[in-house]
């Protein structure tokens, strides 16, 4: 796999608050809801509504966002391509976690059933 250190660093310093409105727009434009988006985020990170809003207000970086998160034990089941990368092959843990979130948002926007998105086996 090619060296992505600059890309990884850029992702780490990006704020969750700067990307969050894009997530909302993406899912709502496809007929999904903000509540469903929050359900997906909570499943992956453990952040409830109140904590999520606090992180947005604080404008935390993705680095801090995932540092404090409790990643779901089934997160490793998230597979596929996002932004040209296979999420299961991404070597930098933080970048992989951000891409997990991107992948879940993508699946939500594409109309996938919630039980499939949340990897309920």
N, C-alpha and C. Protein backbone atom coordinates (compact mmCIF):
# COMPACT_ATOMS: atom_id res chain seq x y z
N UNK A 1 0.84 -1.18 0.00
CA UNK A 1 0.00 0.00 0.00
C UNK A 1 0.89 1.25 0.00
N UNK A 2 0.47 2.28 -0.73
CA UNK A 2 1.29 3.48 -0.84
C UNK A 2 1.33 4.27 0.48
N UNK A 3 2.36 5.10 0.62
CA UNK A 3 2.52 5.93 1.82
C UNK A 3 1.42 6.98 1.85
N UNK A 4 0.66 6.99 2.91
CA UNK A 4 -0.46 7.94 3.03
C UNK A 4 -0.29 8.83 4.25
N UNK A 5 0.93 9.00 4.74
CA UNK A 5 1.15 9.72 5.99
C UNK A 5 0.62 11.15 5.96
N UNK A 6 0.79 11.86 4.85
CA UNK A 6 0.28 13.24 4.75
C UNK A 6 -1.26 13.23 4.77
N UNK A 7 -1.84 12.27 4.07
CA UNK A 7 -3.29 12.11 4.03
C UNK A 7 -3.80 11.79 5.44
N UNK A 8 -3.13 10.87 6.12
CA UNK A 8 -3.52 10.47 7.49
C UNK A 8 -3.45 11.66 8.44
N UNK A 9 -2.41 12.47 8.30
CA UNK A 9 -2.23 13.63 9.17
C UNK A 9 -3.34 14.66 8.92
N UNK A 10 -3.69 14.85 7.66
CA UNK A 10 -4.74 15.80 7.30
C UNK A 10 -6.08 15.37 7.90
N UNK A 11 -6.37 14.08 7.82
CA UNK A 11 -7.61 13.54 8.40
C UNK A 11 -7.63 13.74 9.92
N UNK A 12 -6.51 13.46 10.57
CA UNK A 12 -6.42 13.57 12.03
C UNK A 12 -6.71 14.99 12.50
N UNK A 13 -6.28 15.99 11.75
CA UNK A 13 -6.42 17.39 12.16
C UNK A 13 -7.76 18.01 11.73
N UNK A 14 -8.50 17.32 10.87
CA UNK A 14 -9.79 17.82 10.43
C UNK A 14 -10.78 17.74 11.60
N UNK A 15 -11.65 18.73 11.71
CA UNK A 15 -12.61 18.69 12.81
C UNK A 15 -13.85 17.90 12.40
N UNK A 16 -14.40 17.19 13.37
CA UNK A 16 -15.64 16.46 13.12
C UNK A 16 -16.75 17.44 12.75
N UNK A 17 -16.78 18.60 13.42
CA UNK A 17 -17.82 19.61 13.17
C UNK A 17 -17.80 20.10 11.72
N UNK A 18 -16.65 20.07 11.07
CA UNK A 18 -16.57 20.54 9.67
C UNK A 18 -17.16 19.52 8.70
N UNK A 19 -17.18 18.26 9.07
CA UNK A 19 -17.66 17.20 8.20
C UNK A 19 -19.12 16.83 8.51
N UNK A 20 -19.51 16.98 9.75
CA UNK A 20 -20.84 16.59 10.21
C UNK A 20 -21.98 17.16 9.36
N UNK A 21 -21.97 18.46 9.01
CA UNK A 21 -23.07 18.97 8.16
C UNK A 21 -23.16 18.26 6.81
N UNK A 22 -22.03 17.84 6.30
CA UNK A 22 -22.01 17.11 5.02
C UNK A 22 -22.65 15.73 5.18
N UNK A 23 -22.41 15.11 6.32
CA UNK A 23 -23.06 13.83 6.60
C UNK A 23 -24.58 14.00 6.62
N UNK A 24 -25.04 15.05 7.32
CA UNK A 24 -26.49 15.30 7.42
C UNK A 24 -27.08 15.53 6.03
N UNK A 25 -26.44 16.39 5.26
CA UNK A 25 -26.92 16.69 3.90
C UNK A 25 -26.98 15.43 3.06
N UNK A 26 -25.94 14.64 3.13
CA UNK A 26 -25.87 13.42 2.32
C UNK A 26 -27.02 12.46 2.64
N UNK A 27 -27.27 12.22 3.91
CA UNK A 27 -28.31 11.26 4.27
C UNK A 27 -29.71 11.83 4.04
N UNK A 28 -29.90 13.11 4.37
CA UNK A 28 -31.23 13.70 4.19
C UNK A 28 -31.61 13.84 2.72
N UNK A 29 -30.62 14.10 1.87
CA UNK A 29 -30.90 14.18 0.43
C UNK A 29 -31.35 12.84 -0.15
N UNK A 30 -31.03 11.78 0.56
CA UNK A 30 -31.40 10.43 0.10
C UNK A 30 -32.58 9.87 0.89
N UNK A 31 -33.27 10.75 1.65
CA UNK A 31 -34.49 10.33 2.33
C UNK A 31 -34.29 9.70 3.70
N UNK A 32 -33.08 9.77 4.23
CA UNK A 32 -32.83 9.25 5.58
C UNK A 32 -32.88 10.42 6.55
N UNK A 33 -32.82 10.13 7.85
CA UNK A 33 -32.99 11.19 8.84
C UNK A 33 -31.72 11.44 9.65
N UNK A 34 -31.71 12.61 10.28
CA UNK A 34 -30.63 12.96 11.20
C UNK A 34 -30.60 11.97 12.36
N UNK A 35 -31.77 11.53 12.81
CA UNK A 35 -31.86 10.56 13.91
C UNK A 35 -31.18 9.25 13.50
N UNK A 36 -31.38 8.82 12.26
CA UNK A 36 -30.71 7.59 11.79
C UNK A 36 -29.21 7.78 11.72
N UNK A 37 -28.77 8.97 11.28
CA UNK A 37 -27.35 9.28 11.26
C UNK A 37 -26.77 9.19 12.67
N UNK A 38 -27.48 9.76 13.63
CA UNK A 38 -27.01 9.72 15.03
C UNK A 38 -26.97 8.29 15.56
N UNK A 39 -27.92 7.48 15.14
CA UNK A 39 -27.94 6.07 15.55
C UNK A 39 -26.68 5.36 15.04
N UNK A 40 -26.32 5.63 13.81
CA UNK A 40 -25.13 5.03 13.20
C UNK A 40 -23.87 5.51 13.92
N UNK A 41 -23.79 6.81 14.19
CA UNK A 41 -22.62 7.36 14.88
C UNK A 41 -22.51 6.78 16.29
N UNK A 42 -23.66 6.68 16.97
CA UNK A 42 -23.64 6.12 18.33
C UNK A 42 -23.22 4.65 18.32
N UNK A 43 -23.70 3.90 17.34
CA UNK A 43 -23.31 2.49 17.24
C UNK A 43 -21.80 2.37 17.11
N UNK A 44 -21.20 3.18 16.23
CA UNK A 44 -19.77 3.07 15.98
C UNK A 44 -18.93 3.60 17.15
N UNK A 45 -19.34 4.73 17.74
CA UNK A 45 -18.48 5.44 18.70
C UNK A 45 -18.91 5.35 20.16
N UNK A 46 -20.18 5.03 20.38
CA UNK A 46 -20.71 5.05 21.74
C UNK A 46 -21.20 6.42 22.17
N UNK A 47 -21.08 7.44 21.31
CA UNK A 47 -21.49 8.79 21.67
C UNK A 47 -23.00 8.97 21.51
N UNK A 48 -23.65 9.31 22.63
CA UNK A 48 -25.07 9.65 22.59
C UNK A 48 -25.25 11.07 22.07
N UNK A 49 -26.49 11.46 21.96
CA UNK A 49 -26.86 12.78 21.42
C UNK A 49 -26.15 13.94 22.13
N UNK A 50 -26.18 13.92 23.46
CA UNK A 50 -25.60 15.02 24.24
C UNK A 50 -24.09 15.12 24.04
N UNK A 51 -23.41 14.00 24.10
CA UNK A 51 -21.95 13.98 23.93
C UNK A 51 -21.58 14.40 22.52
N UNK A 52 -22.33 13.93 21.54
CA UNK A 52 -22.07 14.27 20.14
C UNK A 52 -22.18 15.79 19.94
N UNK A 53 -23.22 16.39 20.49
CA UNK A 53 -23.39 17.84 20.37
C UNK A 53 -22.25 18.59 21.06
N UNK A 54 -21.79 18.09 22.19
CA UNK A 54 -20.67 18.72 22.91
C UNK A 54 -19.40 18.67 22.05
N UNK A 55 -19.15 17.54 21.40
CA UNK A 55 -17.96 17.39 20.55
C UNK A 55 -18.03 18.32 19.34
N UNK A 56 -19.23 18.50 18.81
CA UNK A 56 -19.41 19.42 17.67
C UNK A 56 -19.15 20.86 18.13
N UNK A 57 -19.71 21.22 19.26
CA UNK A 57 -19.54 22.57 19.82
C UNK A 57 -18.07 22.86 20.12
N UNK A 58 -17.38 21.85 20.65
CA UNK A 58 -15.96 22.01 20.99
C UNK A 58 -15.06 21.99 19.76
N UNK A 59 -15.63 21.63 18.61
CA UNK A 59 -14.87 21.53 17.36
C UNK A 59 -13.63 20.63 17.51
N UNK A 60 -13.86 19.44 18.05
CA UNK A 60 -12.75 18.50 18.25
C UNK A 60 -12.28 17.94 16.90
N UNK A 61 -11.01 17.60 16.85
CA UNK A 61 -10.46 16.97 15.65
C UNK A 61 -10.91 15.51 15.60
N UNK A 62 -10.80 14.91 14.44
CA UNK A 62 -11.11 13.49 14.34
C UNK A 62 -10.20 12.68 15.25
N UNK A 63 -8.98 13.15 15.43
CA UNK A 63 -8.04 12.48 16.33
C UNK A 63 -8.62 12.39 17.74
N UNK A 64 -9.10 13.52 18.26
CA UNK A 64 -9.69 13.56 19.60
C UNK A 64 -11.04 12.83 19.62
N UNK A 65 -11.82 12.98 18.55
CA UNK A 65 -13.13 12.35 18.43
C UNK A 65 -13.02 10.84 18.62
N UNK A 66 -12.08 10.22 17.92
CA UNK A 66 -11.94 8.76 18.01
C UNK A 66 -11.10 8.32 19.21
N UNK A 67 -10.24 9.20 19.71
CA UNK A 67 -9.44 8.87 20.90
C UNK A 67 -10.36 8.61 22.09
N UNK A 68 -11.43 9.39 22.21
CA UNK A 68 -12.36 9.27 23.33
C UNK A 68 -13.51 8.29 23.06
N UNK A 69 -13.62 7.82 21.83
CA UNK A 69 -14.74 6.93 21.46
C UNK A 69 -14.51 5.51 21.98
N UNK A 70 -15.62 4.81 22.16
CA UNK A 70 -15.58 3.38 22.47
C UNK A 70 -16.06 2.68 21.21
N UNK A 71 -15.12 2.25 20.39
CA UNK A 71 -15.46 1.65 19.10
C UNK A 71 -16.25 0.36 19.31
N UNK A 72 -17.29 0.20 18.52
CA UNK A 72 -18.14 -0.99 18.63
C UNK A 72 -17.30 -2.24 18.33
N UNK A 73 -17.53 -3.33 19.07
CA UNK A 73 -16.74 -4.55 18.85
C UNK A 73 -16.91 -5.14 17.44
N UNK A 74 -18.00 -4.81 16.75
CA UNK A 74 -18.20 -5.32 15.39
C UNK A 74 -17.73 -4.35 14.31
N UNK A 75 -17.04 -3.30 14.69
CA UNK A 75 -16.56 -2.32 13.70
C UNK A 75 -15.67 -2.98 12.65
N UNK A 76 -14.94 -4.01 13.05
CA UNK A 76 -14.05 -4.70 12.11
C UNK A 76 -14.82 -5.37 10.98
N UNK A 77 -16.14 -5.51 11.14
CA UNK A 77 -16.96 -6.12 10.08
C UNK A 77 -17.29 -5.13 8.96
N UNK A 78 -16.95 -3.86 9.15
CA UNK A 78 -17.18 -2.85 8.11
C UNK A 78 -16.13 -3.06 7.03
N UNK A 79 -16.60 -3.37 5.84
CA UNK A 79 -15.69 -3.66 4.73
C UNK A 79 -16.18 -2.93 3.49
N UNK A 80 -15.29 -2.80 2.53
CA UNK A 80 -15.67 -2.18 1.27
C UNK A 80 -14.75 -1.02 0.93
N UNK A 81 -15.08 -0.36 -0.17
CA UNK A 81 -14.25 0.73 -0.67
C UNK A 81 -14.91 2.07 -0.35
N UNK A 82 -14.11 2.98 0.16
CA UNK A 82 -14.57 4.35 0.40
C UNK A 82 -13.41 5.28 0.03
N UNK A 83 -13.70 6.27 -0.77
CA UNK A 83 -12.69 7.23 -1.23
C UNK A 83 -11.49 6.53 -1.89
N UNK A 84 -11.76 5.44 -2.56
CA UNK A 84 -10.71 4.72 -3.29
C UNK A 84 -9.87 3.77 -2.46
N UNK A 85 -10.20 3.63 -1.18
CA UNK A 85 -9.43 2.74 -0.29
C UNK A 85 -10.33 1.65 0.26
N UNK A 86 -9.80 0.43 0.36
CA UNK A 86 -10.51 -0.66 1.03
C UNK A 86 -10.35 -0.42 2.52
N UNK A 87 -11.46 -0.22 3.22
CA UNK A 87 -11.36 0.14 4.65
C UNK A 87 -10.66 -0.93 5.47
N UNK A 88 -10.85 -2.19 5.10
CA UNK A 88 -10.22 -3.26 5.88
C UNK A 88 -8.71 -3.34 5.67
N UNK A 89 -8.18 -2.63 4.66
CA UNK A 89 -6.75 -2.66 4.38
C UNK A 89 -6.02 -1.40 4.84
N UNK A 90 -6.74 -0.44 5.36
CA UNK A 90 -6.10 0.81 5.82
C UNK A 90 -5.29 0.49 7.08
N UNK A 91 -4.03 0.88 7.05
CA UNK A 91 -3.12 0.50 8.13
C UNK A 91 -3.11 1.45 9.32
N UNK A 92 -3.40 2.72 9.09
CA UNK A 92 -3.41 3.70 10.18
C UNK A 92 -4.75 3.61 10.90
N UNK A 93 -4.75 3.24 12.19
CA UNK A 93 -6.01 3.03 12.92
C UNK A 93 -6.98 4.22 12.86
N UNK A 94 -6.48 5.43 13.05
CA UNK A 94 -7.38 6.59 13.04
C UNK A 94 -8.02 6.77 11.66
N UNK A 95 -7.23 6.69 10.62
CA UNK A 95 -7.76 6.83 9.27
C UNK A 95 -8.79 5.74 9.00
N UNK A 96 -8.52 4.54 9.45
CA UNK A 96 -9.46 3.45 9.28
C UNK A 96 -10.77 3.74 10.01
N UNK A 97 -10.68 4.28 11.22
CA UNK A 97 -11.88 4.59 11.99
C UNK A 97 -12.72 5.68 11.31
N UNK A 98 -12.05 6.70 10.78
CA UNK A 98 -12.77 7.77 10.06
C UNK A 98 -13.44 7.18 8.82
N UNK A 99 -12.75 6.30 8.14
CA UNK A 99 -13.32 5.67 6.94
C UNK A 99 -14.45 4.70 7.30
N UNK A 100 -14.38 4.09 8.47
CA UNK A 100 -15.51 3.28 8.95
C UNK A 100 -16.76 4.16 9.01
N UNK A 101 -16.59 5.33 9.62
CA UNK A 101 -17.72 6.25 9.74
C UNK A 101 -18.22 6.69 8.36
N UNK A 102 -17.30 7.03 7.48
CA UNK A 102 -17.67 7.42 6.12
C UNK A 102 -18.45 6.31 5.43
N UNK A 103 -18.00 5.09 5.60
CA UNK A 103 -18.65 3.93 4.97
C UNK A 103 -20.06 3.75 5.51
N UNK A 104 -20.23 3.88 6.83
CA UNK A 104 -21.55 3.73 7.42
C UNK A 104 -22.51 4.82 6.92
N UNK A 105 -22.02 6.04 6.84
CA UNK A 105 -22.83 7.15 6.33
C UNK A 105 -23.22 6.88 4.88
N UNK A 106 -22.28 6.39 4.11
CA UNK A 106 -22.53 6.02 2.71
C UNK A 106 -23.62 4.96 2.59
N UNK A 107 -23.51 3.94 3.41
CA UNK A 107 -24.50 2.85 3.38
C UNK A 107 -25.88 3.38 3.78
N UNK A 108 -25.93 4.26 4.75
CA UNK A 108 -27.19 4.87 5.18
C UNK A 108 -27.80 5.65 4.02
N UNK A 109 -26.98 6.47 3.37
CA UNK A 109 -27.46 7.28 2.25
C UNK A 109 -27.91 6.43 1.07
N UNK A 110 -27.32 5.27 0.91
CA UNK A 110 -27.68 4.40 -0.21
C UNK A 110 -28.93 3.56 0.08
N UNK A 111 -29.50 3.74 1.27
CA UNK A 111 -30.75 3.07 1.58
C UNK A 111 -30.62 1.68 2.16
N UNK A 112 -29.43 1.33 2.59
CA UNK A 112 -29.23 0.01 3.19
C UNK A 112 -30.04 -0.09 4.49
N UNK A 113 -30.54 -1.26 4.79
CA UNK A 113 -31.33 -1.46 6.01
C UNK A 113 -30.45 -1.27 7.24
N UNK A 114 -31.05 -0.67 8.27
CA UNK A 114 -30.31 -0.32 9.49
C UNK A 114 -29.66 -1.54 10.14
N UNK A 115 -30.34 -2.67 10.19
CA UNK A 115 -29.73 -3.84 10.84
C UNK A 115 -28.48 -4.32 10.09
N UNK A 116 -28.44 -4.09 8.79
CA UNK A 116 -27.24 -4.45 8.00
C UNK A 116 -26.13 -3.44 8.26
N UNK A 117 -26.49 -2.15 8.30
CA UNK A 117 -25.50 -1.11 8.56
C UNK A 117 -24.84 -1.32 9.92
N UNK A 118 -25.66 -1.68 10.91
CA UNK A 118 -25.15 -1.85 12.27
C UNK A 118 -24.54 -3.23 12.53
N UNK A 119 -24.36 -3.96 11.46
CA UNK A 119 -23.67 -5.27 11.54
C UNK A 119 -24.26 -6.17 12.60
N UNK A 120 -25.60 -6.21 12.66
CA UNK A 120 -26.26 -7.15 13.58
C UNK A 120 -26.30 -8.51 12.92
N UNK A 121 -25.59 -9.43 13.50
CA UNK A 121 -25.50 -10.75 12.88
C UNK A 121 -26.53 -11.70 13.45
